[in-house]
Amino acid sequence: MNTVTLTENQKMWLKHLDAIEKFDGTLKQYAAAHNLVFQDIYSWKSQLRQKGVIAPAPQPPRKSKPSFAKVQQLQSHGSSNFQFRLGNMSITSDAFPDPNWLATFVKGVRLSQ
């Protein structure tokens, strides 16, 4: 088992970092309440992370490359002017939807799959 020896100062900061996770307030409020320098919190967190004492920072999800779909303009059937099909989902509307809404919808469908 790989153990890490911590100095008393490192142990103190580790306790502060644990307490910050449970603190019901902002980081600045915690620092002020405990007479700590705000930037020192980040510095010690980084040092303890490098030492392997605390978990690495979570990585943001990677953005996937945009994908494109073939668009076909179909003859209008009745009063419907817009029909959108994605897999087994279909939207029919009297008017073309707002492009931002449509992009959000498509993104939401892909995330749910």
C-alpha atoms as a PDB file:
ATOM      1  CA  MET A   1       0.000   0.000   0.000  1.00  0.00           C
ATOM      2  CA  ASN A   2       1.357   3.405  -0.965  1.00  0.00           C
ATOM      3  CA  THR A   3       1.112   5.798   1.992  1.00  0.00           C
ATOM      4  CA  VAL A   4       1.763   9.511   1.928  1.00  0.00           C
ATOM      5  CA  THR A   5       3.324  11.253   4.898  1.00  0.00           C
ATOM      6  CA  LEU A   6       1.857  14.689   5.549  1.00  0.00           C
ATOM      7  CA  THR A   7       3.324  17.554   7.508  1.00  0.00           C
ATOM      8  CA  GLU A   8       1.233  19.167  10.240  1.00  0.00           C
ATOM      9  CA  ASN A   9       0.622  22.123   7.912  1.00  0.00           C
ATOM     10  CA  GLN A  10      -0.595  19.814   5.135  1.00  0.00           C
ATOM     11  CA  LYS A  11      -2.882  17.992   7.592  1.00  0.00           C
ATOM     12  CA  MET A  12      -4.345  21.333   8.710  1.00  0.00           C
ATOM     13  CA  TRP A  13      -5.075  22.338   5.112  1.00  0.00           C
ATOM     14  CA  LEU A  14      -6.551  18.932   4.335  1.00  0.00           C
ATOM     15  CA  LYS A  15      -8.976  19.435   7.250  1.00  0.00           C
ATOM     16  CA  HIS A  16      -9.883  22.874   5.896  1.00  0.00           C
ATOM     17  CA  LEU A  17     -10.494  21.459   2.411  1.00  0.00           C
ATOM     18  CA  ASP A  18     -12.741  18.738   3.863  1.00  0.00           C
ATOM     19  CA  ALA A  19     -14.628  21.351   5.904  1.00  0.00           C
ATOM     20  CA  ILE A  20     -15.072  23.570   2.843  1.00  0.00           C
ATOM     21  CA  GLU A  21     -16.899  20.719   1.072  1.00  0.00           C
ATOM     22  CA  LYS A  22     -19.458  20.691   3.904  1.00  0.00           C
ATOM     23  CA  PHE A  23     -19.576  24.473   4.412  1.00  0.00           C
ATOM     24  CA  ASP A  24     -22.879  26.127   3.555  1.00  0.00           C
ATOM     25  CA  GLY A  25     -21.515  29.342   2.099  1.00  0.00           C
ATOM     26  CA  THR A  26     -19.016  30.695  -0.386  1.00  0.00           C
ATOM     27  CA  LEU A  27     -15.309  30.001  -0.425  1.00  0.00           C
ATOM     28  CA  LYS A  28     -14.644  33.659   0.389  1.00  0.00           C
ATOM     29  CA  GLN A  29     -16.946  33.432   3.401  1.00  0.00           C
ATOM     30  CA  TYR A  30     -15.136  30.330   4.654  1.00  0.00           C
ATOM     31  CA  ALA A  31     -11.740  31.996   4.209  1.00  0.00           C
ATOM     32  CA  ALA A  32     -12.886  35.106   6.105  1.00  0.00           C
ATOM     33  CA  ALA A  33     -14.444  33.061   8.913  1.00  0.00           C
ATOM     34  CA  HIS A  34     -11.193  31.127   9.429  1.00  0.00           C
ATOM     35  CA  ASN A  35      -8.710  33.972   8.786  1.00  0.00           C
ATOM     36  CA  LEU A  36      -7.358  32.298   5.664  1.00  0.00           C
ATOM     37  CA  VAL A  37      -6.011  33.907   2.519  1.00  0.00           C
ATOM     38  CA  PHE A  38      -8.481  33.074  -0.239  1.00  0.00           C
ATOM     39  CA  GLN A  39      -5.810  32.192  -2.835  1.00  0.00           C
ATOM     40  CA  ASP A  40      -4.000  29.926  -0.350  1.00  0.00           C
ATOM     41  CA  ILE A  41      -6.996  27.589  -0.443  1.00  0.00           C
ATOM     42  CA  TYR A  42      -6.506  27.013  -4.172  1.00  0.00           C
ATOM     43  CA  SER A  43      -2.750  26.685  -3.764  1.00  0.00           C
ATOM     44  CA  TRP A  44      -3.001  24.043  -1.046  1.00  0.00           C
ATOM     45  CA  LYS A  45      -5.712  22.173  -2.882  1.00  0.00           C
ATOM     46  CA  SER A  46      -3.428  21.991  -5.922  1.00  0.00           C
ATOM     47  CA  GLN A  47      -0.423  20.870  -3.840  1.00  0.00           C
ATOM     48  CA  LEU A  48      -2.401  18.153  -2.056  1.00  0.00           C
ATOM     49  CA  ARG A  49      -3.903  17.030  -5.360  1.00  0.00           C
ATOM     50  CA  GLN A  50      -0.409  16.703  -6.872  1.00  0.00           C
ATOM     51  CA  LYS A  51       0.682  14.714  -3.826  1.00  0.00           C
ATOM     52  CA  GLY A  52      -2.219  12.324  -4.463  1.00  0.00           C
ATOM     53  CA  VAL A  53      -3.953  13.069  -1.167  1.00  0.00           C
ATOM     54  CA  ILE A  54      -7.139  14.403  -2.760  1.00  0.00           C
ATOM     55  CA  ALA A  55      -8.854  13.313  -5.947  1.00  0.00           C
ATOM     56  CA  PRO A  56      -7.930  14.966  -9.231  1.00  0.00           C
ATOM     57  CA  ALA A  57     -10.203  17.713 -10.504  1.00  0.00           C
ATOM     58  CA  PRO A  58     -13.088  16.362 -12.589  1.00  0.00           C
ATOM     59  CA  GLN A  59     -12.542  16.843 -16.293  1.00  0.00           C
ATOM     60  CA  PRO A  60     -15.285  18.507 -18.310  1.00  0.00           C
ATOM     61  CA  PRO A  61     -16.894  16.219 -20.876  1.00  0.00           C
ATOM     62  CA  ARG A  62     -15.307  16.394 -24.274  1.00  0.00           C
ATOM     63  CA  LYS A  63     -17.346  18.051 -26.926  1.00  0.00           C
ATOM     64  CA  SER A  64     -18.142  15.777 -29.802  1.00  0.00           C
ATOM     65  CA  LYS A  65     -17.649  16.858 -33.351  1.00  0.00           C
ATOM     66  CA  PRO A  66     -20.801  18.258 -34.897  1.00  0.00           C
ATOM     67  CA  SER A  67     -22.678  15.803 -37.039  1.00  0.00           C
ATOM     68  CA  PHE A  68     -24.825  16.623 -39.981  1.00  0.00           C
ATOM     69  CA  ALA A  69     -27.950  15.017 -41.318  1.00  0.00           C
ATOM     70  CA  LYS A  70     -29.251  14.987 -44.843  1.00  0.00           C
ATOM     71  CA  VAL A  71     -32.168  17.381 -45.228  1.00  0.00           C
ATOM     72  CA  GLN A  72     -34.912  16.718 -47.699  1.00  0.00           C
ATOM     73  CA  GLN A  73     -37.560  19.214 -48.627  1.00  0.00           C
ATOM     74  CA  LEU A  74     -40.807  17.341 -49.091  1.00  0.00           C
ATOM     75  CA  GLN A  75     -44.052  18.370 -50.698  1.00  0.00           C
ATOM     76  CA  SER A  76     -46.456  19.903 -48.203  1.00  0.00           C
ATOM     77  CA  HIS A  77     -49.157  17.497 -47.013  1.00  0.00           C
ATOM     78  CA  GLY A  78     -52.177  19.421 -45.759  1.00  0.00           C
ATOM     79  CA  SER A  79     -51.569  22.400 -43.468  1.00  0.00           C
ATOM     80  CA  SER A  80     -48.286  21.070 -42.106  1.00  0.00           C
ATOM     81  CA  ASN A  81     -45.240  23.034 -43.330  1.00  0.00           C
ATOM     82  CA  PHE A  82     -42.511  21.463 -41.217  1.00  0.00           C
ATOM     83  CA  GLN A  83     -41.740  17.854 -40.420  1.00  0.00           C
ATOM     84  CA  PHE A  84     -38.636  16.772 -38.549  1.00  0.00           C
ATOM     85  CA  ARG A  85     -37.647  13.165 -37.978  1.00  0.00           C
ATOM     86  CA  LEU A  86     -34.784  12.008 -35.751  1.00  0.00           C
ATOM     87  CA  GLY A  87     -34.584   8.231 -35.395  1.00  0.00           C
ATOM     88  CA  ASN A  88     -38.051   7.112 -34.340  1.00  0.00           C
ATOM     89  CA  MET A  89     -39.082  10.608 -33.174  1.00  0.00           C
ATOM     90  CA  SER A  90     -41.041  12.954 -35.368  1.00  0.00           C
ATOM     91  CA  ILE A  91     -42.214  16.569 -35.057  1.00  0.00           C
ATOM     92  CA  THR A  92     -44.820  18.091 -37.327  1.00  0.00           C
ATOM     93  CA  SER A  93     -45.610  21.789 -37.173  1.00  0.00           C
ATOM     94  CA  ASP A  94     -47.484  24.469 -39.109  1.00  0.00           C
ATOM     95  CA  ALA A  95     -44.370  26.654 -39.054  1.00  0.00           C
ATOM     96  CA  PHE A  96     -40.630  26.141 -38.957  1.00  0.00           C
ATOM     97  CA  PRO A  97     -39.504  26.176 -35.293  1.00  0.00           C
ATOM     98  CA  ASP A  98     -36.979  28.614 -33.875  1.00  0.00           C
ATOM     99  CA  PRO A  99     -33.502  27.314 -34.861  1.00  0.00           C
ATOM    100  CA  ASN A 100     -32.191  27.656 -31.279  1.00  0.00           C
ATOM    101  CA  TRP A 101     -35.113  25.609 -29.953  1.00  0.00           C
ATOM    102  CA  LEU A 102     -34.535  22.972 -32.614  1.00  0.00           C
ATOM    103  CA  ALA A 103     -30.801  22.736 -31.794  1.00  0.00           C
ATOM    104  CA  THR A 104     -31.577  22.385 -28.074  1.00  0.00           C
ATOM    105  CA  PHE A 105     -34.176  19.711 -28.841  1.00  0.00           C
ATOM    106  CA  VAL A 106     -31.782  17.681 -30.983  1.00  0.00           C
ATOM    107  CA  LYS A 107     -29.036  17.965 -28.356  1.00  0.00           C
ATOM    108  CA  GLY A 108     -31.474  16.810 -25.671  1.00  0.00           C
ATOM    109  CA  VAL A 109     -32.578  13.811 -27.730  1.00  0.00           C
ATOM    110  CA  ARG A 110     -28.975  12.743 -28.314  1.00  0.00           C
ATOM    111  CA  LEU A 111     -28.101  13.093 -24.608  1.00  0.00           C
ATOM    112  CA  SER A 112     -31.054  10.916 -23.639  1.00  0.00           C
ATOM    113  CA  GLN A 113     -30.018   8.086 -25.954  1.00  0.00           C
END
